[in-house]
Amino acid sequence: MEFSLFVHMERLTPDQSHAQLNEELIALCKMADDAGMRAVWTGEHHGMEFTIAPNPLMSLVNIAHHTKNVKLGTGTVIAPFWHPIKLAGEAASADLMTGGRIELGIARGAYSYEYERLMPGMDAWEAGQRMRELAPLIPKLWAGDCAHDGEFFKFPATTSTPKPLQEGGPPIWIAARDPNSHEFGVHNGFNIQVTPLWQGIEEIETLMSRFNAACETYDGPRPKVMLLHHTYVGSDADDVALAAQELSRFYCYFGAWFQNKRPIEQGLIAPLSDEEMQANALMAPENMARDLTIGTSSEVIDKIKQYEALGYDEYSFWIDSGMSFERKQASLARFIKDVMPAFT
């Protein structure tokens, strides 16, 4: 089992400084690098203070200047917002600038809030079809002289400039949930990222079974599969209970952004009342405590041992939570000191 950190800037109130949030993000990435984590992942989002990441490749190049060894992954670029020639060239350029540390995660995207602003009229189905056309073109453009005549993209023979530093180009990961997306990723020789979001072990088992089923129908080498899950390592039971409350709040806001019904002003969604959050039984703190990877060090170890036994190659510590930087930092420090050594 290898470990990575999944992290963004997240801004909850207008009084928070973007500059300070960026410094805090860098500090968490440096912790992951110093601890020997395999990778740092950051994604792509637009116009949302909830998750600030307009260009993950730019963020990763910046992180590279503050770290030494950690791989730098997009978790993920939103495929329908990119042209394949542009994505291939920018990913290759980032790989060159970072000394061959880039890994390219690709997804269809999730928020209709973003679709209606960057691709008006596009729905999740079309976004998925665009992703399936785009992703296989990236390694072909890195190889060179790739021409394409498809549903969404048409271009004459083109070669990515620059070439990636890594032989064959950066590893490509596909964010997968349903069986068809697992099959698409695996059959193209891509690695797979999965997230059960707020759901627990049953969903984690289901996602692995879909990955295994896709591998059974593929003749090539078995790709890697990464589990991304919200994580908190608490100092004691009271600390864990507080984290469950904070993650309940996070997922209430996540759901509000996803539903895309509340007013947005200056990139901030209209605040949820305590009554609205308490009425969201699905995201209740007791469910977060049961279904997320949170607990004391020994409890978190036990949960990740289950994921390891299922066959996951990498566990990614999803640290976005609406918590203070100090609480994120303390949790990550306990993970590094107490949890990671149980897997070496």
Protein backbone atom coordinates (compact mmCIF):
# COMPACT_ATOMS: atom_id res chain seq x y z
CA MET A 1 0.00 0.00 0.00
CA GLU A 2 1.35 3.39 -1.04
CA PHE A 3 0.06 6.71 0.28
CA SER A 4 -0.66 10.09 -1.25
CA LEU A 5 -2.23 13.40 -0.30
CA PHE A 6 -5.28 14.89 -2.07
CA VAL A 7 -5.46 18.62 -1.33
CA HIS A 8 -6.86 21.96 -2.52
CA MET A 9 -7.22 25.45 -1.24
CA GLU A 10 -10.70 25.84 0.22
CA ARG A 11 -12.17 29.16 1.31
CA LEU A 12 -15.28 29.28 3.48
CA THR A 13 -15.54 32.97 4.40
CA PRO A 14 -14.54 36.26 2.73
CA ASP A 15 -12.07 37.11 5.48
CA GLN A 16 -9.73 34.25 4.55
CA SER A 17 -6.69 35.32 2.51
CA HIS A 18 -5.98 33.44 -0.70
CA ALA A 19 -2.27 34.07 -0.14
CA GLN A 20 -2.45 32.47 3.30
CA LEU A 21 -4.43 29.52 1.96
CA ASN A 22 -1.77 28.96 -0.70
CA GLU A 23 0.98 28.98 1.93
CA GLU A 24 -0.97 26.42 3.97
CA LEU A 25 -1.45 24.18 0.93
CA ILE A 26 2.30 24.27 0.26
CA ALA A 27 3.01 23.40 3.91
CA LEU A 28 0.79 20.30 3.72
CA CYS A 29 2.45 19.23 0.46
CA LYS A 30 5.90 19.61 2.03
CA MET A 31 4.77 17.39 4.92
CA ALA A 32 3.67 14.71 2.45
CA ASP A 33 6.98 14.94 0.58
CA ASP A 34 9.12 14.82 3.72
CA ALA A 35 7.13 11.80 4.96
CA GLY A 36 7.83 9.79 1.81
CA MET A 37 4.28 9.81 0.46
CA ARG A 38 4.23 8.71 -3.16
CA ALA A 39 2.21 11.59 -4.62
CA VAL A 40 0.31 14.81 -4.12
CA TRP A 41 -2.95 15.21 -6.07
CA THR A 42 -4.88 18.39 -6.82
CA GLY A 43 -7.82 18.90 -9.17
CA GLU A 44 -9.55 21.37 -11.45
CA HIS A 45 -12.48 23.58 -10.46
CA HIS A 46 -13.76 26.94 -11.61
CA GLY A 47 -15.53 29.83 -9.91
CA MET A 48 -15.93 27.95 -6.61
CA GLU A 49 -14.28 29.12 -3.41
CA PHE A 50 -15.32 25.72 -2.00
CA THR A 51 -12.54 24.12 -4.06
CA ILE A 52 -9.98 26.51 -5.55
CA ALA A 53 -8.02 24.94 -8.43
CA PRO A 54 -8.46 26.61 -11.85
CA ASN A 55 -5.42 24.89 -13.39
CA PRO A 56 -3.96 21.90 -11.54
CA LEU A 57 -0.87 21.74 -13.76
CA MET A 58 0.04 25.29 -12.77
CA SER A 59 -0.47 24.40 -9.11
CA LEU A 60 1.68 21.28 -9.43
CA VAL A 61 4.55 23.13 -11.09
CA ASN A 62 4.47 25.53 -8.15
CA ILE A 63 4.39 22.65 -5.64
CA ALA A 64 7.39 21.13 -7.42
CA HIS A 65 9.49 24.12 -6.38
CA HIS A 66 8.76 23.37 -2.72
CA THR A 67 9.16 19.58 -2.76
CA LYS A 68 11.84 17.10 -3.80
CA ASN A 69 10.55 13.61 -4.54
CA VAL A 70 6.77 13.41 -4.41
CA LYS A 71 4.95 12.69 -7.68
CA LEU A 72 2.57 15.45 -8.75
CA GLY A 73 -0.83 14.36 -10.00
CA THR A 74 -3.92 16.02 -11.42
CA GLY A 75 -6.83 14.72 -9.42
CA THR A 76 -8.36 15.47 -11.88
CA VAL A 77 -8.45 17.61 -15.02
CA ILE A 78 -12.01 17.97 -16.32
CA ALA A 79 -11.84 16.50 -19.80
CA PRO A 80 -14.61 18.49 -21.54
CA PHE A 81 -12.88 21.75 -20.62
CA TRP A 82 -9.75 20.77 -22.62
CA HIS A 83 -8.73 20.23 -26.22
CA PRO A 84 -6.52 17.12 -26.47
CA ILE A 85 -3.66 18.97 -28.18
CA LYS A 86 -3.68 21.61 -25.47
CA LEU A 87 -3.83 19.06 -22.63
CA ALA A 88 -1.09 16.88 -24.12
CA GLY A 89 1.21 19.88 -24.60
CA GLU A 90 0.60 21.44 -21.19
CA ALA A 91 0.97 18.12 -19.35
CA ALA A 92 4.20 17.41 -21.23
CA SER A 93 5.48 20.89 -20.46
CA ALA A 94 4.67 20.45 -16.76
CA ASP A 95 6.43 17.09 -16.81
CA LEU A 96 9.51 18.74 -18.27
CA MET A 97 9.42 21.58 -15.72
CA THR A 98 9.03 19.23 -12.74
CA GLY A 99 11.76 16.81 -13.71
CA GLY A 100 9.40 14.04 -14.79
CA ARG A 101 7.12 14.02 -11.77
CA ILE A 102 3.69 14.60 -13.38
CA GLU A 103 0.85 12.07 -13.36
CA LEU A 104 -2.32 12.87 -15.29
CA GLY A 105 -5.69 12.08 -13.74
CA ILE A 106 -8.66 12.71 -16.05
CA ALA A 107 -12.40 12.81 -15.29
CA ARG A 108 -15.64 13.97 -16.87
CA GLY A 109 -16.35 16.44 -14.04
CA ALA A 110 -19.23 16.47 -11.60
CA TYR A 111 -20.63 19.96 -10.98
CA SER A 112 -23.37 21.26 -13.28
CA TYR A 113 -22.44 24.69 -11.87
CA GLU A 114 -19.18 24.43 -13.84
CA TYR A 115 -20.73 22.84 -16.93
CA GLU A 116 -23.24 25.68 -17.37
CA ARG A 117 -20.46 28.27 -17.19
CA LEU A 118 -17.74 26.67 -19.31
CA MET A 119 -19.80 24.40 -21.60
CA PRO A 120 -23.42 25.64 -21.59
CA GLY A 121 -25.90 22.92 -22.53
CA MET A 122 -23.53 20.05 -21.85
CA ASP A 123 -24.76 17.29 -19.54
CA ALA A 124 -22.89 14.54 -17.68
CA TRP A 125 -23.43 12.03 -20.50
CA GLU A 126 -21.81 14.27 -23.11
CA ALA A 127 -19.02 15.11 -20.66
CA GLY A 128 -18.31 11.41 -20.30
CA GLN A 129 -18.27 10.89 -24.05
CA ARG A 130 -15.84 13.78 -24.46
CA MET A 131 -13.58 12.24 -21.82
CA ARG A 132 -13.62 8.88 -23.60
CA GLU A 133 -12.60 10.50 -26.87
CA LEU A 134 -9.97 12.77 -25.36
CA ALA A 135 -8.05 10.48 -22.99
CA PRO A 136 -6.76 7.91 -25.52
CA LEU A 137 -5.49 10.74 -27.73
CA ILE A 138 -3.07 12.08 -25.12
CA PRO A 139 -0.42 9.30 -25.33
CA LYS A 140 -0.81 9.28 -29.13
CA LEU A 141 -0.04 13.00 -29.25
CA TRP A 142 2.98 12.44 -27.00
CA ALA A 143 4.16 9.69 -29.37
CA GLY A 144 3.74 12.10 -32.29
CA ASP A 145 2.05 12.61 -35.65
CA CYS A 146 -1.42 11.86 -34.32
CA ALA A 147 -4.33 12.75 -36.62
CA HIS A 148 -7.93 12.44 -35.47
CA ASP A 149 -11.43 12.70 -36.94
CA GLY A 150 -13.93 12.10 -34.14
CA GLU A 151 -17.26 13.29 -32.82
CA PHE A 152 -15.87 16.16 -30.73
CA PHE A 153 -12.33 16.73 -32.05
CA LYS A 154 -10.90 16.85 -35.56
CA PHE A 155 -7.28 17.75 -36.34
CA PRO A 156 -4.52 16.81 -38.82
CA ALA A 157 -1.31 15.06 -37.78
CA THR A 158 0.02 16.76 -34.66
CA THR A 159 2.86 16.11 -32.24
CA SER A 160 2.94 17.33 -28.65
CA THR A 161 5.55 19.98 -28.10
CA PRO A 162 7.43 19.69 -25.89
CA LYS A 163 7.74 15.95 -25.43
CA PRO A 164 7.23 14.71 -21.87
CA LEU A 165 10.36 13.96 -19.90
CA GLN A 166 9.06 10.57 -18.75
CA GLU A 167 9.48 7.73 -21.22
CA GLY A 168 6.09 7.19 -22.85
CA GLY A 169 4.69 10.18 -21.03
CA PRO A 170 3.21 10.66 -17.56
CA PRO A 171 1.07 7.81 -16.18
CA ILE A 172 -2.62 8.41 -16.93
CA TRP A 173 -5.37 7.76 -14.37
CA ILE A 174 -9.11 7.69 -15.04
CA ALA A 175 -11.66 8.59 -12.36
CA ALA A 176 -14.12 5.69 -12.51
CA ARG A 177 -17.35 4.77 -10.77
CA ASP A 178 -19.70 2.71 -12.97
CA PRO A 179 -18.59 -0.59 -14.60
CA ASN A 180 -18.32 0.98 -18.06
CA SER A 181 -15.89 3.66 -16.88
CA HIS A 182 -13.73 1.03 -15.16
CA GLU A 183 -13.69 -0.99 -18.37
CA PHE A 184 -12.85 2.05 -20.47
CA GLY A 185 -9.90 2.98 -18.26
CA VAL A 186 -8.50 -0.51 -17.80
CA HIS A 187 -8.89 -1.51 -21.46
CA ASN A 188 -6.92 1.57 -22.50
CA GLY A 189 -4.11 0.64 -20.13
CA PHE A 190 -4.83 3.52 -17.75
CA ASN A 191 -4.71 3.41 -13.97
CA ILE A 192 -7.94 3.93 -12.02
CA GLN A 193 -8.91 6.40 -9.29
CA VAL A 194 -12.04 5.73 -7.25
CA THR A 195 -13.79 7.64 -4.50
CA PRO A 196 -16.77 6.38 -2.51
CA LEU A 197 -17.30 9.97 -1.27
CA TRP A 198 -19.30 9.75 2.00
CA GLN A 199 -20.08 6.08 1.49
CA GLY A 200 -18.36 3.35 3.47
CA ILE A 201 -16.92 -0.12 3.12
CA GLU A 202 -19.73 -1.58 0.97
CA GLU A 203 -19.11 1.02 -1.74
CA ILE A 204 -15.35 0.57 -1.39
CA GLU A 205 -15.83 -3.17 -1.98
CA THR A 206 -18.16 -2.53 -4.94
CA LEU A 207 -15.69 -0.21 -6.63
CA MET A 208 -12.93 -2.78 -6.28
CA SER A 209 -15.15 -5.52 -7.68
CA ARG A 210 -15.84 -3.35 -10.74
CA PHE A 211 -12.12 -2.77 -11.22
CA ASN A 212 -11.40 -6.50 -10.90
CA ALA A 213 -14.15 -7.34 -13.40
CA ALA A 214 -12.63 -4.91 -15.90
CA CYS A 215 -9.18 -6.43 -15.39
CA GLU A 216 -10.54 -9.94 -16.04
CA THR A 217 -11.49 -8.91 -19.59
CA TYR A 218 -8.18 -7.16 -20.34
CA ASP A 219 -5.12 -8.95 -21.71
CA GLY A 220 -2.55 -6.32 -20.78
CA PRO A 221 -0.69 -5.71 -17.52
CA ARG A 222 -2.91 -5.04 -14.51
CA PRO A 223 -3.19 -1.26 -13.96
CA LYS A 224 -3.00 0.34 -10.53
CA VAL A 225 -6.08 1.34 -8.55
CA MET A 226 -6.17 4.19 -6.02
CA LEU A 227 -8.75 4.78 -3.29
CA LEU A 228 -9.44 8.42 -2.42
CA HIS A 229 -11.27 8.90 0.88
CA HIS A 230 -11.77 11.58 3.50
CA THR A 231 -9.36 10.90 6.34
CA TYR A 232 -8.88 12.22 9.85
CA VAL A 233 -6.61 10.82 12.54
CA GLY A 234 -7.77 12.08 15.91
CA SER A 235 -5.89 12.44 19.18
CA ASP A 236 -8.76 10.91 21.16
CA ALA A 237 -12.46 10.05 20.91
CA ASP A 238 -13.58 13.66 21.47
CA ASP A 239 -11.29 14.88 18.72
CA VAL A 240 -12.67 12.24 16.34
CA ALA A 241 -16.24 13.25 17.23
CA LEU A 242 -15.43 16.87 16.35
CA ALA A 243 -13.98 15.76 13.01
CA ALA A 244 -17.19 13.84 12.26
CA GLN A 245 -19.17 17.03 12.83
CA GLU A 246 -16.83 19.04 10.60
CA LEU A 247 -16.98 16.46 7.81
CA SER A 248 -20.77 16.36 8.12
CA ARG A 249 -20.76 20.09 7.48
CA PHE A 250 -18.36 19.65 4.54
CA TYR A 251 -20.63 17.10 2.85
CA CYS A 252 -23.75 19.20 3.44
CA TYR A 253 -22.02 21.98 1.50
CA PHE A 254 -20.72 19.50 -1.08
CA GLY A 255 -24.31 18.40 -1.70
CA ALA A 256 -25.50 21.99 -1.97
CA TRP A 257 -22.88 22.76 -4.62
CA PHE A 258 -23.73 19.56 -6.46
CA GLN A 259 -27.48 20.33 -6.50
CA ASN A 260 -26.69 23.80 -7.89
CA LYS A 261 -29.83 25.44 -6.50
CA ARG A 262 -28.54 27.95 -3.94
CA PRO A 263 -27.43 31.51 -4.73
CA ILE A 264 -23.70 32.06 -5.29
CA GLU A 265 -22.08 35.42 -4.59
CA GLN A 266 -18.37 36.18 -5.00
CA GLY A 267 -17.76 32.45 -5.45
CA LEU A 268 -19.32 31.59 -2.07
CA ILE A 269 -22.54 29.62 -1.76
CA ALA A 270 -25.33 31.00 0.42
CA PRO A 271 -24.70 29.69 3.96
CA LEU A 272 -26.59 26.63 5.17
CA SER A 273 -28.44 27.04 8.44
CA ASP A 274 -27.91 24.68 11.36
CA GLU A 275 -31.46 23.44 10.81
CA GLU A 276 -30.77 22.62 7.15
CA MET A 277 -27.65 20.66 8.04
CA GLN A 278 -29.34 18.81 10.89
CA ALA A 279 -32.16 17.83 8.53
CA ASN A 280 -29.67 16.14 6.17
CA ALA A 281 -29.78 12.72 7.81
CA LEU A 282 -27.60 11.15 5.12
CA MET A 283 -24.69 13.36 6.14
CA ALA A 284 -25.21 13.04 9.90
CA PRO A 285 -22.00 13.02 11.99
CA GLU A 286 -22.60 9.45 13.13
CA ASN A 287 -22.66 8.34 9.49
CA MET A 288 -19.42 10.19 8.81
CA ALA A 289 -17.79 8.46 11.80
CA ARG A 290 -18.94 5.07 10.53
CA ASP A 291 -18.29 5.43 6.80
CA LEU A 292 -15.27 7.71 6.38
CA THR A 293 -11.67 6.82 7.25
CA ILE A 294 -11.65 8.70 10.52
CA GLY A 295 -10.76 7.61 14.03
CA THR A 296 -7.80 7.26 16.33
CA SER A 297 -4.57 6.01 14.81
CA SER A 298 -5.35 2.36 15.57
CA GLU A 299 -8.88 2.70 14.16
CA VAL A 300 -7.61 4.30 10.94
CA ILE A 301 -4.97 1.58 10.58
CA ASP A 302 -7.66 -1.09 10.89
CA LYS A 303 -9.79 0.55 8.20
CA ILE A 304 -6.91 0.96 5.75
CA LYS A 305 -5.84 -2.66 6.38
CA GLN A 306 -9.28 -3.63 5.05
CA TYR A 307 -8.70 -1.58 1.89
CA GLU A 308 -5.26 -3.11 1.46
CA ALA A 309 -6.71 -6.61 1.76
CA LEU A 310 -9.21 -5.79 -1.00
CA GLY A 311 -6.29 -5.04 -3.34
CA TYR A 312 -6.00 -1.26 -3.48
CA ASP A 313 -2.51 -0.17 -4.51
CA GLU A 314 -2.66 3.38 -3.19
CA TYR A 315 -4.60 5.15 -0.46
CA SER A 316 -5.03 8.88 -0.92
CA PHE A 317 -5.62 10.98 2.20
CA TRP A 318 -8.36 13.45 1.20
CA ILE A 319 -7.69 16.37 3.52
CA ASP A 320 -10.24 18.95 2.22
CA SER A 321 -12.75 19.23 5.05
CA GLY A 322 -13.48 22.81 6.01
CA MET A 323 -11.31 22.29 9.09
CA SER A 324 -8.74 24.82 10.21
CA PHE A 325 -5.22 24.46 8.84
CA GLU A 326 -4.02 23.57 12.34
CA ARG A 327 -6.44 20.64 12.58
CA LYS A 328 -5.55 19.39 9.10
CA GLN A 329 -1.85 19.65 9.92
CA ALA A 330 -2.21 17.80 13.24
CA SER A 331 -4.23 15.00 11.64
CA LEU A 332 -1.74 14.59 8.80
CA ALA A 333 1.15 14.55 11.29
CA ARG A 334 -0.51 11.74 13.26
CA PHE A 335 -1.15 9.85 10.00
CA ILE A 336 2.53 10.15 9.07
CA LYS A 337 3.86 9.27 12.52
CA ASP A 338 1.42 6.55 13.61
CA VAL A 339 -0.45 5.15 10.60
CA MET A 340 2.01 4.98 7.70
CA PRO A 341 4.63 2.92 9.62
CA ALA A 342 2.05 0.15 10.03
CA PHE A 343 2.26 -0.43 6.26
CA THR A 344 6.01 -0.41 5.67
